[in-house]
Amino acid sequence: MTPWQSLIASKAMGKRLGDEARQGMAHAWHTAAFTRAKKLPHLSRVIGDTERKPKSADDIVKALQMKFGEVKSDG
């Protein structure tokens, strides 16, 4: 593995571990909150909309342009 690949791998591992830590904290918070609740809310209200509609190619292009700006072609 090259030094560059090692750097990328270590950054990816750090991000993954941070994501797992945040997920664990959210899990603990929700467990404590639901333990104290007298009446649990409906699951759909807690987790939100799980059905995602597929995005069109135009929506994806617009989102990329908003994030990175207009791409200029060389030609």
N, C-alpha and C. Protein backbone atom coordinates (compact mmCIF):
# COMPACT_ATOMS: atom_id res chain seq x y z
N MET A 1 0.86 -1.17 0.00
CA MET A 1 0.00 0.00 0.00
C MET A 1 0.91 1.24 0.00
N THR A 2 0.60 2.18 -0.84
CA THR A 2 1.40 3.40 -0.92
C THR A 2 1.06 4.33 0.24
N PRO A 3 1.92 5.32 0.51
CA PRO A 3 1.60 6.28 1.58
C PRO A 3 0.28 7.00 1.32
N TRP A 4 -0.01 7.33 0.08
CA TRP A 4 -1.26 8.02 -0.26
C TRP A 4 -2.46 7.13 0.05
N GLN A 5 -2.36 5.86 -0.32
CA GLN A 5 -3.45 4.93 -0.04
C GLN A 5 -3.63 4.73 1.46
N SER A 6 -2.52 4.70 2.18
CA SER A 6 -2.61 4.58 3.64
C SER A 6 -3.32 5.78 4.25
N LEU A 7 -3.01 6.97 3.75
CA LEU A 7 -3.67 8.18 4.24
C LEU A 7 -5.17 8.13 3.98
N ILE A 8 -5.56 7.77 2.76
CA ILE A 8 -6.97 7.69 2.41
C ILE A 8 -7.67 6.64 3.26
N ALA A 9 -7.04 5.47 3.45
CA ALA A 9 -7.64 4.41 4.26
C ALA A 9 -7.81 4.84 5.71
N SER A 10 -6.81 5.54 6.26
CA SER A 10 -6.92 5.96 7.66
C SER A 10 -7.99 7.03 7.83
N LYS A 11 -8.13 7.93 6.85
CA LYS A 11 -9.21 8.93 6.92
C LYS A 11 -10.57 8.26 6.84
N ALA A 12 -10.70 7.27 5.95
CA ALA A 12 -11.98 6.57 5.81
C ALA A 12 -12.32 5.82 7.10
N MET A 13 -11.32 5.19 7.71
CA MET A 13 -11.56 4.47 8.96
C MET A 13 -11.96 5.43 10.07
N GLY A 14 -11.31 6.59 10.13
CA GLY A 14 -11.68 7.58 11.13
C GLY A 14 -13.10 8.07 10.97
N LYS A 15 -13.49 8.29 9.71
CA LYS A 15 -14.87 8.74 9.44
C LYS A 15 -15.86 7.66 9.84
N ARG A 16 -15.55 6.40 9.49
CA ARG A 16 -16.45 5.30 9.84
C ARG A 16 -16.61 5.17 11.35
N LEU A 17 -15.50 5.26 12.07
CA LEU A 17 -15.57 5.15 13.53
C LEU A 17 -16.35 6.31 14.14
N GLY A 18 -16.18 7.51 13.58
CA GLY A 18 -16.94 8.66 14.06
C GLY A 18 -18.43 8.48 13.80
N ASP A 19 -18.77 7.95 12.62
CA ASP A 19 -20.17 7.69 12.30
C ASP A 19 -20.77 6.65 13.25
N GLU A 20 -19.99 5.61 13.54
CA GLU A 20 -20.47 4.58 14.46
C GLU A 20 -20.67 5.14 15.87
N ALA A 21 -19.78 6.02 16.29
CA ALA A 21 -19.91 6.64 17.62
C ALA A 21 -21.16 7.50 17.69
N ARG A 22 -21.40 8.31 16.64
CA ARG A 22 -22.61 9.14 16.62
C ARG A 22 -23.87 8.29 16.61
N GLN A 23 -23.83 7.19 15.88
CA GLN A 23 -24.99 6.29 15.84
C GLN A 23 -25.24 5.68 17.21
N GLY A 24 -24.17 5.29 17.90
CA GLY A 24 -24.31 4.73 19.25
C GLY A 24 -24.87 5.74 20.23
N MET A 25 -24.41 7.00 20.12
CA MET A 25 -24.94 8.04 21.01
C MET A 25 -26.42 8.31 20.73
N ALA A 26 -26.79 8.32 19.47
CA ALA A 26 -28.20 8.53 19.13
C ALA A 26 -29.05 7.37 19.66
N HIS A 27 -28.53 6.17 19.54
CA HIS A 27 -29.25 5.00 20.04
C HIS A 27 -29.45 5.10 21.54
N ALA A 28 -28.39 5.47 22.26
CA ALA A 28 -28.50 5.60 23.72
C ALA A 28 -29.48 6.70 24.10
N TRP A 29 -29.44 7.82 23.39
CA TRP A 29 -30.35 8.92 23.70
C TRP A 29 -31.79 8.51 23.50
N HIS A 30 -32.08 7.85 22.36
CA HIS A 30 -33.45 7.44 22.09
C HIS A 30 -33.92 6.38 23.08
N THR A 31 -33.02 5.46 23.46
CA THR A 31 -33.39 4.45 24.45
C THR A 31 -33.78 5.10 25.77
N ALA A 32 -32.98 6.07 26.22
CA ALA A 32 -33.29 6.76 27.47
C ALA A 32 -34.59 7.56 27.35
N ALA A 33 -34.79 8.22 26.21
CA ALA A 33 -36.00 9.02 26.03
C ALA A 33 -37.25 8.13 26.01
N PHE A 34 -37.18 7.00 25.33
CA PHE A 34 -38.35 6.11 25.26
C PHE A 34 -38.60 5.42 26.59
N THR A 35 -37.56 5.22 27.38
CA THR A 35 -37.74 4.62 28.70
C THR A 35 -38.56 5.53 29.60
N ARG A 36 -38.35 6.82 29.47
CA ARG A 36 -39.06 7.79 30.31
C ARG A 36 -40.45 8.14 29.76
N ALA A 37 -40.74 7.79 28.52
CA ALA A 37 -42.01 8.18 27.91
C ALA A 37 -43.16 7.36 28.50
N LYS A 38 -44.27 8.05 28.76
CA LYS A 38 -45.45 7.35 29.26
C LYS A 38 -46.18 6.65 28.12
N LYS A 39 -46.17 7.28 26.95
CA LYS A 39 -46.82 6.70 25.78
C LYS A 39 -45.87 6.89 24.60
N LEU A 40 -45.53 5.80 23.93
CA LEU A 40 -44.59 5.88 22.81
C LEU A 40 -45.26 6.49 21.57
N PRO A 41 -44.54 7.32 20.84
CA PRO A 41 -45.10 7.85 19.59
C PRO A 41 -45.11 6.75 18.52
N HIS A 42 -45.89 6.98 17.48
CA HIS A 42 -45.91 6.03 16.36
C HIS A 42 -44.52 5.96 15.75
N LEU A 43 -44.15 4.77 15.32
CA LEU A 43 -42.81 4.56 14.77
C LEU A 43 -42.56 5.44 13.54
N SER A 44 -43.56 5.62 12.69
CA SER A 44 -43.38 6.44 11.50
C SER A 44 -43.06 7.89 11.86
N ARG A 45 -43.55 8.35 12.99
CA ARG A 45 -43.25 9.71 13.43
C ARG A 45 -41.82 9.83 13.93
N VAL A 46 -41.29 8.74 14.48
CA VAL A 46 -39.93 8.75 15.01
C VAL A 46 -38.89 8.63 13.90
N ILE A 47 -39.10 7.69 12.98
CA ILE A 47 -38.08 7.45 11.96
C ILE A 47 -38.32 8.22 10.67
N GLY A 48 -39.48 8.81 10.53
CA GLY A 48 -39.75 9.61 9.34
C GLY A 48 -40.13 8.76 8.14
N ASP A 49 -40.03 9.35 6.98
CA ASP A 49 -40.43 8.70 5.74
C ASP A 49 -39.31 7.77 5.27
N THR A 50 -39.58 6.47 5.24
CA THR A 50 -38.56 5.52 4.81
C THR A 50 -38.66 5.22 3.32
N GLU A 51 -39.74 5.61 2.70
CA GLU A 51 -39.90 5.39 1.27
C GLU A 51 -39.33 6.57 0.52
N ARG A 52 -38.23 6.36 -0.15
CA ARG A 52 -37.61 7.44 -0.92
C ARG A 52 -37.94 7.28 -2.39
N LYS A 53 -38.34 8.38 -2.99
CA LYS A 53 -38.66 8.34 -4.40
C LYS A 53 -37.36 8.45 -5.20
N PRO A 54 -37.25 7.70 -6.29
CA PRO A 54 -36.03 7.80 -7.09
C PRO A 54 -35.91 9.19 -7.71
N LYS A 55 -34.69 9.69 -7.75
CA LYS A 55 -34.45 11.02 -8.31
C LYS A 55 -34.18 10.90 -9.79
N SER A 56 -34.62 11.91 -10.52
CA SER A 56 -34.35 11.93 -11.96
C SER A 56 -32.92 12.39 -12.20
N ALA A 57 -32.45 12.16 -13.41
CA ALA A 57 -31.09 12.59 -13.77
C ALA A 57 -30.96 14.10 -13.66
N ASP A 58 -32.01 14.85 -14.01
CA ASP A 58 -31.96 16.31 -13.91
C ASP A 58 -31.80 16.77 -12.47
N ASP A 59 -32.49 16.09 -11.53
CA ASP A 59 -32.36 16.44 -10.11
C ASP A 59 -30.93 16.22 -9.63
N ILE A 60 -30.33 15.13 -10.08
CA ILE A 60 -28.96 14.82 -9.67
C ILE A 60 -28.00 15.86 -10.23
N VAL A 61 -28.17 16.22 -11.50
CA VAL A 61 -27.30 17.23 -12.12
C VAL A 61 -27.44 18.57 -11.41
N LYS A 62 -28.67 18.97 -11.08
CA LYS A 62 -28.89 20.23 -10.37
C LYS A 62 -28.23 20.23 -9.01
N ALA A 63 -28.32 19.10 -8.28
CA ALA A 63 -27.71 19.01 -6.96
C ALA A 63 -26.19 19.10 -7.06
N LEU A 64 -25.61 18.45 -8.07
CA LEU A 64 -24.16 18.52 -8.25
C LEU A 64 -23.72 19.93 -8.63
N GLN A 65 -24.52 20.60 -9.46
CA GLN A 65 -24.17 21.97 -9.86
C GLN A 65 -24.26 22.91 -8.66
N MET A 66 -25.23 22.70 -7.79
CA MET A 66 -25.34 23.53 -6.60
C MET A 66 -24.14 23.32 -5.68
N LYS A 67 -23.68 22.07 -5.58
CA LYS A 67 -22.57 21.77 -4.68
C LYS A 67 -21.23 22.21 -5.24
N PHE A 68 -21.00 21.93 -6.54
CA PHE A 68 -19.68 22.16 -7.11
C PHE A 68 -19.64 23.32 -8.11
N GLY A 69 -20.78 23.87 -8.45
CA GLY A 69 -20.80 24.95 -9.44
C GLY A 69 -20.88 24.41 -10.86
N GLU A 70 -20.97 25.31 -11.79
CA GLU A 70 -21.06 24.96 -13.20
C GLU A 70 -19.75 24.36 -13.67
N VAL A 71 -19.84 23.29 -14.43
CA VAL A 71 -18.64 22.65 -15.00
C VAL A 71 -18.46 23.20 -16.41
N LYS A 72 -17.26 23.71 -16.67
CA LYS A 72 -16.97 24.26 -17.99
C LYS A 72 -16.27 23.21 -18.82
N SER A 73 -16.73 23.03 -20.06
CA SER A 73 -16.11 22.03 -20.93
C SER A 73 -14.88 22.64 -21.63
N ASP A 74 -13.95 21.79 -22.00
CA ASP A 74 -12.74 22.25 -22.68
C ASP A 74 -12.99 22.51 -24.16
N GLY A 75 -14.07 22.00 -24.68
CA GLY A 75 -14.30 22.07 -26.13
C GLY A 75 -15.07 23.23 -26.59
